[in-house]
Amino acid sequence: MKFIAAFSALVLALAQVASSAPTSSPSVASTTTWMQSRHVRPASTVAHNTTHTAMKMAQSGGNSQWEGTTVTWYDGSMLDDPECYNGEYQPDDSSLVAAVVMSDGYASCKDMIEIARFDDSGNTLASVVVQVVDACSEGCDDGKDGHWFDLTKGAFDRLFDEDVGQADVWFRHISSSSISEDDRDLYPSV
């Protein structure tokens, strides 16, 4: 009986994740102009949405459920004066930070976010923890499931090569208390 209840819960979680998965990836052509204006090198869009991934993610631990998102990267002067810090923090290309569309409510200033990509069996291929420090300018509303994270090159490089440019991945909120003491200096405020 316990097996049936656990299996039913897994099937429900799988159905919920699968129903939110997009049927196609955003086209590179539709994002090329915007990405060039954001200093992002357009290349193939990468999507990781499979049934196995959904099943594995439903079983994984964490502070919140995994949700779909799109990631890109930004660099140089676009990092200057992030909105969340009023000039008190200046990230560089190696910082593990992100910009989001604040008004969409999926993330806010100083939130800690884990972003990951999975193989077809649901195993983690790569992940990075970033802190939200800035508001993303126009164009970020078109991400997977309405979510978009504009990452520094340093954060994006932990997931993909920079020439990928844009990719569909997964994210979840995590507690700042889950950041190890050794890694706390990687973030502006933990």
N, C-alpha and C. Protein backbone atom coordinates (compact mmCIF):
# COMPACT_ATOMS: atom_id res chain seq x y z
N MET A 1 0.82 -1.19 0.00
CA MET A 1 0.00 0.00 0.00
C MET A 1 0.87 1.26 0.00
N LYS A 2 1.97 1.23 0.78
CA LYS A 2 2.87 2.39 0.81
C LYS A 2 3.47 2.62 -0.57
N PHE A 3 3.79 1.53 -1.28
CA PHE A 3 4.35 1.66 -2.62
C PHE A 3 3.37 2.35 -3.55
N ILE A 4 2.11 1.98 -3.48
CA ILE A 4 1.09 2.58 -4.35
C ILE A 4 0.95 4.07 -4.05
N ALA A 5 0.96 4.44 -2.78
CA ALA A 5 0.85 5.85 -2.41
C ALA A 5 2.07 6.63 -2.90
N ALA A 6 3.26 6.06 -2.73
CA ALA A 6 4.48 6.73 -3.18
C ALA A 6 4.50 6.84 -4.70
N PHE A 7 4.09 5.76 -5.37
CA PHE A 7 4.06 5.78 -6.84
C PHE A 7 3.05 6.81 -7.33
N SER A 8 1.89 6.88 -6.69
CA SER A 8 0.87 7.87 -7.08
C SER A 8 1.39 9.29 -6.90
N ALA A 9 2.09 9.55 -5.81
CA ALA A 9 2.65 10.89 -5.58
C ALA A 9 3.68 11.22 -6.65
N LEU A 10 4.49 10.25 -7.03
CA LEU A 10 5.49 10.48 -8.07
C LEU A 10 4.82 10.76 -9.41
N VAL A 11 3.78 10.00 -9.74
CA VAL A 11 3.07 10.21 -11.00
C VAL A 11 2.43 11.60 -11.02
N LEU A 12 1.85 12.03 -9.91
CA LEU A 12 1.25 13.37 -9.84
C LEU A 12 2.32 14.44 -10.02
N ALA A 13 3.46 14.28 -9.37
CA ALA A 13 4.55 15.26 -9.51
C ALA A 13 5.06 15.28 -10.94
N LEU A 14 5.18 14.12 -11.54
CA LEU A 14 5.62 14.03 -12.93
C LEU A 14 4.63 14.71 -13.86
N ALA A 15 3.36 14.49 -13.65
CA ALA A 15 2.34 15.12 -14.48
C ALA A 15 2.38 16.63 -14.34
N GLN A 16 2.60 17.12 -13.13
CA GLN A 16 2.66 18.56 -12.90
C GLN A 16 3.85 19.17 -13.62
N VAL A 17 5.02 18.54 -13.52
CA VAL A 17 6.21 19.06 -14.20
C VAL A 17 6.05 18.94 -15.70
N ALA A 18 5.55 17.81 -16.18
CA ALA A 18 5.40 17.60 -17.62
C ALA A 18 4.40 18.57 -18.23
N SER A 19 3.35 18.91 -17.50
CA SER A 19 2.35 19.83 -18.05
C SER A 19 2.89 21.24 -18.18
N SER A 20 3.93 21.57 -17.43
CA SER A 20 4.50 22.91 -17.52
C SER A 20 5.66 22.98 -18.50
N ALA A 21 6.10 21.83 -19.03
CA ALA A 21 7.23 21.83 -19.96
C ALA A 21 6.79 22.36 -21.32
N PRO A 22 7.57 23.24 -21.91
CA PRO A 22 7.22 23.76 -23.22
C PRO A 22 7.32 22.68 -24.29
N THR A 23 6.52 22.81 -25.34
CA THR A 23 6.56 21.82 -26.42
C THR A 23 7.68 22.11 -27.39
N SER A 24 8.22 23.31 -27.37
CA SER A 24 9.35 23.62 -28.24
C SER A 24 10.21 24.67 -27.56
N SER A 25 11.43 24.78 -28.03
CA SER A 25 12.36 25.76 -27.49
C SER A 25 12.21 27.07 -28.22
N PRO A 26 12.53 28.21 -27.56
CA PRO A 26 12.51 29.47 -28.28
C PRO A 26 13.50 29.41 -29.43
N SER A 27 13.15 30.00 -30.54
CA SER A 27 14.05 29.94 -31.69
C SER A 27 15.21 30.91 -31.51
N VAL A 28 16.34 30.54 -32.06
CA VAL A 28 17.50 31.41 -31.99
C VAL A 28 17.25 32.68 -32.77
N ALA A 29 16.57 32.56 -33.91
CA ALA A 29 16.31 33.74 -34.74
C ALA A 29 15.51 34.80 -33.99
N SER A 30 14.56 34.38 -33.17
CA SER A 30 13.73 35.35 -32.46
C SER A 30 14.48 36.06 -31.34
N THR A 31 15.60 35.50 -30.92
CA THR A 31 16.34 36.11 -29.81
C THR A 31 17.65 36.75 -30.25
N THR A 32 18.04 36.57 -31.50
CA THR A 32 19.35 37.04 -31.95
C THR A 32 19.53 38.54 -31.75
N THR A 33 18.58 39.35 -32.21
CA THR A 33 18.71 40.80 -32.09
C THR A 33 18.80 41.23 -30.64
N TRP A 34 17.92 40.70 -29.80
CA TRP A 34 17.94 41.08 -28.39
C TRP A 34 19.25 40.66 -27.75
N MET A 35 19.71 39.44 -28.02
CA MET A 35 20.92 38.95 -27.38
C MET A 35 22.13 39.75 -27.81
N GLN A 36 22.19 40.17 -29.07
CA GLN A 36 23.32 40.97 -29.51
C GLN A 36 23.35 42.29 -28.77
N SER A 37 22.19 42.87 -28.48
CA SER A 37 22.16 44.13 -27.75
C SER A 37 22.55 43.94 -26.29
N ARG A 38 22.49 42.72 -25.79
CA ARG A 38 22.85 42.42 -24.40
C ARG A 38 24.26 41.84 -24.30
N HIS A 39 25.03 41.87 -25.37
CA HIS A 39 26.39 41.32 -25.40
C HIS A 39 26.41 39.82 -25.23
N VAL A 40 25.34 39.16 -25.63
CA VAL A 40 25.28 37.71 -25.55
C VAL A 40 25.51 37.16 -26.94
N ARG A 41 26.36 36.18 -27.06
CA ARG A 41 26.63 35.58 -28.36
C ARG A 41 25.55 34.57 -28.68
N PRO A 42 24.73 34.82 -29.73
CA PRO A 42 23.69 33.86 -30.07
C PRO A 42 24.29 32.57 -30.60
N ALA A 43 23.69 31.48 -30.24
CA ALA A 43 24.09 30.17 -30.74
C ALA A 43 22.90 29.26 -30.58
N SER A 44 23.13 27.98 -30.63
CA SER A 44 22.01 27.07 -30.53
C SER A 44 21.35 27.18 -29.16
N THR A 45 20.03 27.14 -29.16
CA THR A 45 19.27 27.11 -27.92
C THR A 45 19.26 25.67 -27.43
N VAL A 46 19.48 25.47 -26.15
CA VAL A 46 19.54 24.13 -25.58
C VAL A 46 18.36 23.93 -24.66
N ALA A 47 17.65 22.83 -24.82
CA ALA A 47 16.52 22.52 -23.95
C ALA A 47 16.72 21.14 -23.34
N HIS A 48 16.39 21.00 -22.07
CA HIS A 48 16.49 19.72 -21.37
C HIS A 48 15.16 19.45 -20.69
N ASN A 49 14.22 18.86 -21.43
CA ASN A 49 12.90 18.56 -20.88
C ASN A 49 12.55 17.13 -21.24
N THR A 50 12.69 16.22 -20.30
CA THR A 50 12.36 14.83 -20.57
C THR A 50 11.57 14.27 -19.40
N THR A 51 10.89 13.18 -19.66
CA THR A 51 10.13 12.51 -18.61
C THR A 51 11.06 12.04 -17.50
N HIS A 52 12.21 11.45 -17.88
CA HIS A 52 13.15 10.98 -16.86
C HIS A 52 13.65 12.13 -15.99
N THR A 53 13.91 13.26 -16.61
CA THR A 53 14.35 14.42 -15.85
C THR A 53 13.29 14.81 -14.84
N ALA A 54 12.04 14.86 -15.27
CA ALA A 54 10.95 15.25 -14.37
C ALA A 54 10.84 14.27 -13.21
N MET A 55 10.98 12.97 -13.48
CA MET A 55 10.87 11.99 -12.41
C MET A 55 12.01 12.16 -11.41
N LYS A 56 13.23 12.34 -11.90
CA LYS A 56 14.39 12.48 -11.02
C LYS A 56 14.26 13.75 -10.18
N MET A 57 13.82 14.84 -10.83
CA MET A 57 13.70 16.10 -10.11
C MET A 57 12.62 16.03 -9.04
N ALA A 58 11.55 15.29 -9.31
CA ALA A 58 10.49 15.16 -8.33
C ALA A 58 11.00 14.48 -7.07
N GLN A 59 12.04 13.65 -7.22
CA GLN A 59 12.60 12.92 -6.09
C GLN A 59 13.70 13.70 -5.37
N SER A 60 14.25 14.73 -6.02
CA SER A 60 15.41 15.43 -5.45
C SER A 60 15.02 16.31 -4.28
N GLY A 61 15.97 16.54 -3.41
CA GLY A 61 15.73 17.39 -2.25
C GLY A 61 15.91 18.84 -2.61
N GLY A 62 15.74 19.71 -1.64
CA GLY A 62 15.92 21.14 -1.88
C GLY A 62 14.89 21.93 -1.11
N ASN A 63 15.03 23.22 -1.16
CA ASN A 63 14.13 24.09 -0.42
C ASN A 63 12.85 24.40 -1.16
N SER A 64 12.83 24.21 -2.47
CA SER A 64 11.62 24.43 -3.24
C SER A 64 11.65 23.55 -4.47
N GLN A 65 10.51 23.49 -5.17
CA GLN A 65 10.41 22.67 -6.37
C GLN A 65 11.19 23.27 -7.52
N TRP A 66 11.69 22.43 -8.39
CA TRP A 66 12.35 22.89 -9.60
C TRP A 66 11.31 23.48 -10.54
N GLU A 67 11.66 24.58 -11.20
CA GLU A 67 10.81 25.22 -12.20
C GLU A 67 11.65 25.48 -13.43
N GLY A 68 11.01 25.53 -14.59
CA GLY A 68 11.71 25.80 -15.83
C GLY A 68 12.13 27.26 -15.93
N THR A 69 13.24 27.50 -16.60
CA THR A 69 13.72 28.87 -16.82
C THR A 69 14.62 28.91 -18.05
N THR A 70 14.87 30.10 -18.51
CA THR A 70 15.84 30.35 -19.56
C THR A 70 17.00 31.12 -18.95
N VAL A 71 18.22 30.80 -19.37
CA VAL A 71 19.39 31.54 -18.92
C VAL A 71 20.17 32.08 -20.12
N THR A 72 20.76 33.25 -19.93
CA THR A 72 21.70 33.85 -20.85
C THR A 72 22.82 34.42 -19.99
N TRP A 73 23.77 35.11 -20.62
CA TRP A 73 24.82 35.75 -19.83
C TRP A 73 25.02 37.19 -20.28
N TYR A 74 25.50 37.99 -19.35
CA TYR A 74 25.84 39.38 -19.64
C TYR A 74 27.16 39.70 -18.98
N ASP A 75 27.82 40.75 -19.46
CA ASP A 75 29.17 41.02 -18.95
C ASP A 75 29.52 42.49 -19.05
N GLY A 76 30.77 42.79 -18.67
CA GLY A 76 31.32 44.13 -18.81
C GLY A 76 30.53 45.21 -18.09
N SER A 77 30.34 46.33 -18.76
CA SER A 77 29.68 47.48 -18.13
C SER A 77 28.21 47.22 -17.81
N MET A 78 27.63 46.18 -18.40
CA MET A 78 26.23 45.86 -18.10
C MET A 78 26.07 45.39 -16.65
N LEU A 79 27.18 45.02 -16.01
CA LEU A 79 27.15 44.58 -14.62
C LEU A 79 27.17 45.75 -13.64
N ASP A 80 27.51 46.95 -14.13
CA ASP A 80 27.70 48.10 -13.25
C ASP A 80 26.42 48.48 -12.49
N ASP A 81 26.60 48.85 -11.23
CA ASP A 81 25.54 49.38 -10.37
C ASP A 81 24.27 48.53 -10.35
N PRO A 82 24.34 47.30 -9.86
CA PRO A 82 23.15 46.46 -9.80
C PRO A 82 22.07 47.07 -8.90
N GLU A 83 20.85 46.93 -9.33
CA GLU A 83 19.71 47.58 -8.69
C GLU A 83 19.55 47.25 -7.20
N CYS A 84 19.90 46.06 -6.80
CA CYS A 84 19.67 45.63 -5.41
C CYS A 84 20.67 46.21 -4.41
N TYR A 85 21.71 46.90 -4.88
CA TYR A 85 22.77 47.31 -3.96
C TYR A 85 23.08 48.80 -3.94
N ASN A 86 22.37 49.62 -4.68
CA ASN A 86 22.56 51.08 -4.64
C ASN A 86 24.03 51.51 -4.64
N GLY A 87 24.82 50.89 -5.49
CA GLY A 87 26.23 51.27 -5.61
C GLY A 87 27.15 50.67 -4.57
N GLU A 88 26.63 49.89 -3.63
CA GLU A 88 27.45 49.31 -2.57
C GLU A 88 28.14 48.01 -2.98
N TYR A 89 27.80 47.48 -4.14
CA TYR A 89 28.40 46.23 -4.62
C TYR A 89 28.57 46.34 -6.13
N GLN A 90 29.74 45.96 -6.61
CA GLN A 90 30.02 45.97 -8.05
C GLN A 90 30.50 44.58 -8.48
N PRO A 91 29.63 43.80 -9.13
CA PRO A 91 30.06 42.48 -9.59
C PRO A 91 31.02 42.58 -10.77
N ASP A 92 31.73 41.48 -11.01
CA ASP A 92 32.55 41.40 -12.21
C ASP A 92 32.16 40.12 -12.96
N ASP A 93 32.83 39.85 -14.06
CA ASP A 93 32.45 38.71 -14.90
C ASP A 93 32.51 37.37 -14.16
N SER A 94 33.32 37.27 -13.11
CA SER A 94 33.45 36.00 -12.40
C SER A 94 32.46 35.87 -11.24
N SER A 95 31.72 36.91 -10.92
CA SER A 95 30.76 36.86 -9.81
C SER A 95 29.66 35.84 -10.08
N LEU A 96 29.14 35.24 -9.03
CA LEU A 96 28.05 34.27 -9.16
C LEU A 96 26.73 34.96 -8.83
N VAL A 97 26.30 35.82 -9.74
CA VAL A 97 25.09 36.62 -9.53
C VAL A 97 24.23 36.60 -10.79
N ALA A 98 22.98 37.10 -10.63
CA ALA A 98 22.03 37.09 -11.73
C ALA A 98 21.14 38.32 -11.69
N ALA A 99 20.58 38.62 -12.85
CA ALA A 99 19.54 39.64 -12.99
C ALA A 99 18.25 38.93 -13.37
N VAL A 100 17.12 39.42 -12.85
CA VAL A 100 15.80 38.83 -13.14
C VAL A 100 14.80 39.95 -13.41
N VAL A 101 13.62 39.57 -13.87
CA VAL A 101 12.52 40.52 -14.01
C VAL A 101 11.81 40.57 -12.66
N MET A 102 12.11 41.58 -11.86
CA MET A 102 11.60 41.66 -10.49
C MET A 102 10.08 41.65 -10.42
N SER A 103 9.43 42.31 -11.37
CA SER A 103 7.97 42.45 -11.32
C SER A 103 7.25 41.13 -11.57
N ASP A 104 7.94 40.12 -12.10
CA ASP A 104 7.30 38.84 -12.37
C ASP A 104 7.16 37.96 -11.13
N GLY A 105 7.86 38.28 -10.05
CA GLY A 105 7.67 37.61 -8.78
C GLY A 105 8.33 36.25 -8.60
N TYR A 106 9.06 35.74 -9.56
CA TYR A 106 9.69 34.44 -9.39
C TYR A 106 10.99 34.52 -8.61
N ALA A 107 11.55 35.72 -8.48
CA ALA A 107 12.76 35.93 -7.69
C ALA A 107 12.87 37.40 -7.33
N SER A 108 13.53 37.69 -6.22
CA SER A 108 13.67 39.06 -5.72
C SER A 108 15.12 39.33 -5.33
N CYS A 109 15.40 40.58 -5.05
CA CYS A 109 16.74 40.98 -4.61
C CYS A 109 17.25 40.07 -3.50
N LYS A 110 18.49 39.63 -3.65
CA LYS A 110 19.25 38.86 -2.67
C LYS A 110 18.79 37.42 -2.51
N ASP A 111 17.79 36.96 -3.30
CA ASP A 111 17.40 35.55 -3.26
C ASP A 111 18.57 34.69 -3.70
N MET A 112 18.70 33.53 -3.09
CA MET A 112 19.70 32.53 -3.49
C MET A 112 18.98 31.52 -4.38
N ILE A 113 19.53 31.29 -5.56
CA ILE A 113 18.89 30.45 -6.57
C ILE A 113 19.87 29.39 -7.05
N GLU A 114 19.44 28.13 -7.06
CA GLU A 114 20.23 27.09 -7.70
C GLU A 114 19.69 26.89 -9.10
N ILE A 115 20.57 26.89 -10.08
CA ILE A 115 20.21 26.67 -11.48
C ILE A 115 20.94 25.42 -11.93
N ALA A 116 20.21 24.51 -12.59
CA ALA A 116 20.83 23.23 -12.97
C ALA A 116 20.34 22.76 -14.34
N ARG A 117 21.16 21.91 -14.92
CA ARG A 117 20.75 21.20 -16.13
C ARG A 117 20.94 19.71 -15.87
N PHE A 118 20.09 18.91 -16.49
CA PHE A 118 20.03 17.47 -16.23
C PHE A 118 20.19 16.69 -17.52
N ASP A 119 20.66 15.44 -17.41
CA ASP A 119 20.70 14.58 -18.59
C ASP A 119 19.33 13.93 -18.76
N ASP A 120 19.19 13.07 -19.78
CA ASP A 120 17.90 12.46 -20.08
C ASP A 120 17.42 11.51 -18.99
N SER A 121 18.30 11.10 -18.10
CA SER A 121 17.92 10.24 -16.99
C SER A 121 17.63 11.03 -15.73
N GLY A 122 17.75 12.35 -15.80
CA GLY A 122 17.47 13.19 -14.64
C GLY A 122 18.65 13.41 -13.72
N ASN A 123 19.83 12.99 -14.13
CA ASN A 123 21.03 13.22 -13.32
C ASN A 123 21.56 14.62 -13.59
N THR A 124 22.07 15.26 -12.56
CA THR A 124 22.60 16.61 -12.71
C THR A 124 23.87 16.60 -13.55
N LEU A 125 23.86 17.38 -14.63
CA LEU A 125 25.05 17.55 -15.46
C LEU A 125 25.90 18.70 -14.96
N ALA A 126 25.24 19.76 -14.51
CA ALA A 126 25.94 20.94 -14.01
C ALA A 126 24.96 21.77 -13.21
N SER A 127 25.46 22.48 -12.21
CA SER A 127 24.61 23.40 -11.45
C SER A 127 25.46 24.53 -10.90
N VAL A 128 24.79 25.61 -10.56
CA VAL A 128 25.45 26.76 -9.98
C VAL A 128 24.45 27.44 -9.04
N VAL A 129 24.95 28.00 -7.96
CA VAL A 129 24.12 28.81 -7.07
C VAL A 129 24.48 30.26 -7.32
N VAL A 130 23.45 31.07 -7.56
CA VAL A 130 23.66 32.50 -7.80
C VAL A 130 22.81 33.30 -6.83
N GLN A 131 23.19 34.56 -6.65
CA GLN A 131 22.38 35.47 -5.85
C GLN A 131 21.82 36.54 -6.79
N VAL A 132 20.54 36.85 -6.63
CA VAL A 132 19.90 37.88 -7.45
C VAL A 132 20.38 39.24 -6.97
N VAL A 133 20.97 40.03 -7.90
CA VAL A 133 21.50 41.34 -7.53
C VAL A 133 20.97 42.47 -8.40
N ASP A 134 20.28 42.13 -9.50
CA ASP A 134 19.94 43.17 -10.46
C ASP A 134 18.63 42.85 -11.16
N ALA A 135 18.05 43.89 -11.75
CA ALA A 135 16.84 43.75 -12.56
C ALA A 135 17.27 43.57 -14.01
N CYS A 136 16.64 42.64 -14.67
CA CYS A 136 16.93 42.37 -16.08
C CYS A 136 16.15 43.35 -16.94
N SER A 137 16.81 43.87 -17.96
CA SER A 137 16.15 44.83 -18.85
C SER A 137 15.20 44.10 -19.79
N GLU A 138 14.58 44.84 -20.68
CA GLU A 138 13.57 44.26 -21.57
C GLU A 138 14.12 43.07 -22.34
N GLY A 139 13.24 42.16 -22.68
CA GLY A 139 13.62 40.95 -23.38
C GLY A 139 13.67 39.74 -22.48
N CYS A 140 13.73 39.95 -21.19
CA CYS A 140 13.82 38.83 -20.25
C CYS A 140 12.46 38.21 -19.93
N ASP A 141 11.38 38.76 -20.45
CA ASP A 141 10.05 38.22 -20.18
C ASP A 141 9.72 36.99 -21.03
N ASP A 142 10.55 36.70 -22.01
CA ASP A 142 10.23 35.65 -22.96
C ASP A 142 10.84 34.30 -22.60
N GLY A 143 11.26 34.11 -21.37
CA GLY A 143 11.93 32.88 -20.98
C GLY A 143 10.98 31.72 -20.78
N LYS A 144 11.55 30.54 -20.63
CA LYS A 144 10.80 29.31 -20.40
C LYS A 144 9.92 29.47 -19.17
N ASP A 145 8.66 29.17 -19.32
CA ASP A 145 7.67 29.26 -18.23
C ASP A 145 7.60 30.67 -17.65
N GLY A 146 7.99 31.68 -18.43
CA GLY A 146 7.92 33.07 -17.97
C GLY A 146 9.05 33.48 -17.04
N HIS A 147 10.06 32.64 -16.92
CA HIS A 147 11.20 32.92 -16.04
C HIS A 147 12.46 33.12 -16.87
N TRP A 148 13.31 34.03 -16.40
CA TRP A 148 14.56 34.31 -17.13
C TRP A 148 15.62 34.74 -16.13
N PHE A 149 16.79 34.15 -16.21
CA PHE A 149 17.93 34.57 -15.39
C PHE A 149 19.05 34.99 -16.34
N ASP A 150 19.48 36.23 -16.21
CA ASP A 150 20.61 36.75 -16.96
C ASP A 150 21.81 36.61 -16.02
N LEU A 151 22.70 35.67 -16.31
CA LEU A 151 23.81 35.33 -15.43
C LEU A 151 25.10 36.04 -15.85
N THR A 152 26.01 36.19 -14.91
CA THR A 152 27.35 36.64 -15.28
C THR A 152 28.01 35.51 -16.07
N LYS A 153 29.07 35.86 -16.78
CA LYS A 153 29.80 34.83 -17.53
C LYS A 153 30.32 33.75 -16.60
N GLY A 154 30.77 34.14 -15.41
CA GLY A 154 31.29 33.16 -14.46
C GLY A 154 30.25 32.14 -14.05
N ALA A 155 29.01 32.58 -13.84
CA ALA A 155 27.94 31.66 -13.47
C ALA A 155 27.51 30.82 -14.67
N PHE A 156 27.35 31.46 -15.82
CA PHE A 156 26.93 30.74 -17.03
C PHE A 156 27.95 29.66 -17.40
N ASP A 157 29.24 29.97 -17.25
CA ASP A 157 30.31 29.02 -17.58
C ASP A 157 30.25 27.75 -16.75
N ARG A 158 29.63 27.79 -15.60
CA ARG A 158 29.50 26.58 -14.77
C ARG A 158 28.41 25.65 -15.31
N LEU A 159 27.58 26.18 -16.22
CA LEU A 159 26.51 25.38 -16.82
C LEU A 159 26.82 24.98 -18.26
N PHE A 160 27.32 25.93 -19.03
CA PHE A 160 27.54 25.75 -20.47
C PHE A 160 28.77 26.54 -20.91
N ASP A 161 29.23 26.25 -22.13
CA ASP A 161 30.21 27.12 -22.77
C ASP A 161 29.50 28.41 -23.16
N GLU A 162 30.21 29.52 -23.15
CA GLU A 162 29.60 30.81 -23.47
C GLU A 162 28.98 30.86 -24.86
N ASP A 163 29.52 30.09 -25.80
CA ASP A 163 28.98 30.14 -27.16
C ASP A 163 27.58 29.55 -27.27
N VAL A 164 27.11 28.87 -26.25
CA VAL A 164 25.72 28.40 -26.24
C VAL A 164 24.79 29.60 -26.25
N GLY A 165 25.14 30.64 -25.51
CA GLY A 165 24.37 31.90 -25.54
C GLY A 165 23.11 31.89 -24.72
N GLN A 166 22.21 30.96 -24.99
CA GLN A 166 20.92 30.89 -24.31
C GLN A 166 20.53 29.43 -24.15
N ALA A 167 19.94 29.07 -23.01
CA ALA A 167 19.55 27.68 -22.79
C ALA A 167 18.36 27.61 -21.84
N ASP A 168 17.56 26.58 -22.01
CA ASP A 168 16.47 26.29 -21.09
C ASP A 168 16.98 25.29 -20.07
N VAL A 169 16.81 25.62 -18.78
CA VAL A 169 17.29 24.80 -17.68
C VAL A 169 16.23 24.81 -16.57
N TRP A 170 16.63 24.51 -15.35
CA TRP A 170 15.73 24.45 -14.20
C TRP A 170 16.30 25.30 -13.07
N PHE A 171 15.41 25.83 -12.22
CA PHE A 171 15.88 26.60 -11.06
C PHE A 171 15.02 26.29 -9.86
N ARG A 172 15.57 26.58 -8.69
CA ARG A 172 14.82 26.51 -7.43
C ARG A 172 15.46 27.46 -6.44
N HIS A 173 14.67 27.92 -5.50
CA HIS A 173 15.16 28.78 -4.42
C HIS A 173 15.84 27.90 -3.38
N ILE A 174 16.92 28.39 -2.82
CA ILE A 174 17.56 27.69 -1.71
C ILE A 174 17.79 28.69 -0.58
N SER A 175 17.97 28.17 0.60
CA SER A 175 18.22 29.00 1.77
C SER A 175 19.69 29.43 1.80
N SER A 176 19.92 30.66 2.20
CA SER A 176 21.31 31.12 2.32
C SER A 176 22.06 30.32 3.38
N SER A 177 21.33 29.72 4.32
CA SER A 177 21.99 28.90 5.35
C SER A 177 22.57 27.61 4.76
N SER A 178 22.14 27.24 3.55
CA SER A 178 22.69 26.04 2.93
C SER A 178 24.02 26.30 2.23
N ILE A 179 24.44 27.57 2.18
CA ILE A 179 25.73 27.93 1.58
C ILE A 179 26.83 27.65 2.61
N SER A 180 27.82 26.87 2.21
CA SER A 180 28.88 26.52 3.16
C SER A 180 29.68 27.76 3.55
N GLU A 181 30.29 27.70 4.71
CA GLU A 181 31.11 28.81 5.20
C GLU A 181 32.22 29.15 4.20
N ASP A 182 32.79 28.13 3.57
CA ASP A 182 33.87 28.34 2.60
C ASP A 182 33.42 29.09 1.36
N ASP A 183 32.13 28.99 1.01
CA ASP A 183 31.61 29.62 -0.21
C ASP A 183 30.91 30.95 0.02
N ARG A 184 30.73 31.35 1.25
CA ARG A 184 29.97 32.58 1.53
C ARG A 184 30.59 33.83 0.92
N ASP A 185 31.90 33.84 0.77
CA ASP A 185 32.54 35.03 0.19
C ASP A 185 32.33 35.14 -1.32
N LEU A 186 31.70 34.14 -1.93
CA LEU A 186 31.39 34.19 -3.36
C LEU A 186 30.17 35.05 -3.67
N TYR A 187 29.43 35.44 -2.63
CA TYR A 187 28.17 36.16 -2.81
C TYR A 187 28.21 37.48 -2.06
N PRO A 188 27.51 38.49 -2.57
CA PRO A 188 27.57 39.81 -1.93
C PRO A 188 26.94 39.87 -0.54
N SER A 189 25.88 39.10 -0.32
CA SER A 189 25.28 39.10 1.03
C SER A 189 24.63 37.76 1.30
N VAL A 190 25.26 37.00 2.17
CA VAL A 190 24.72 35.69 2.56
C VAL A 190 24.61 35.66 4.06
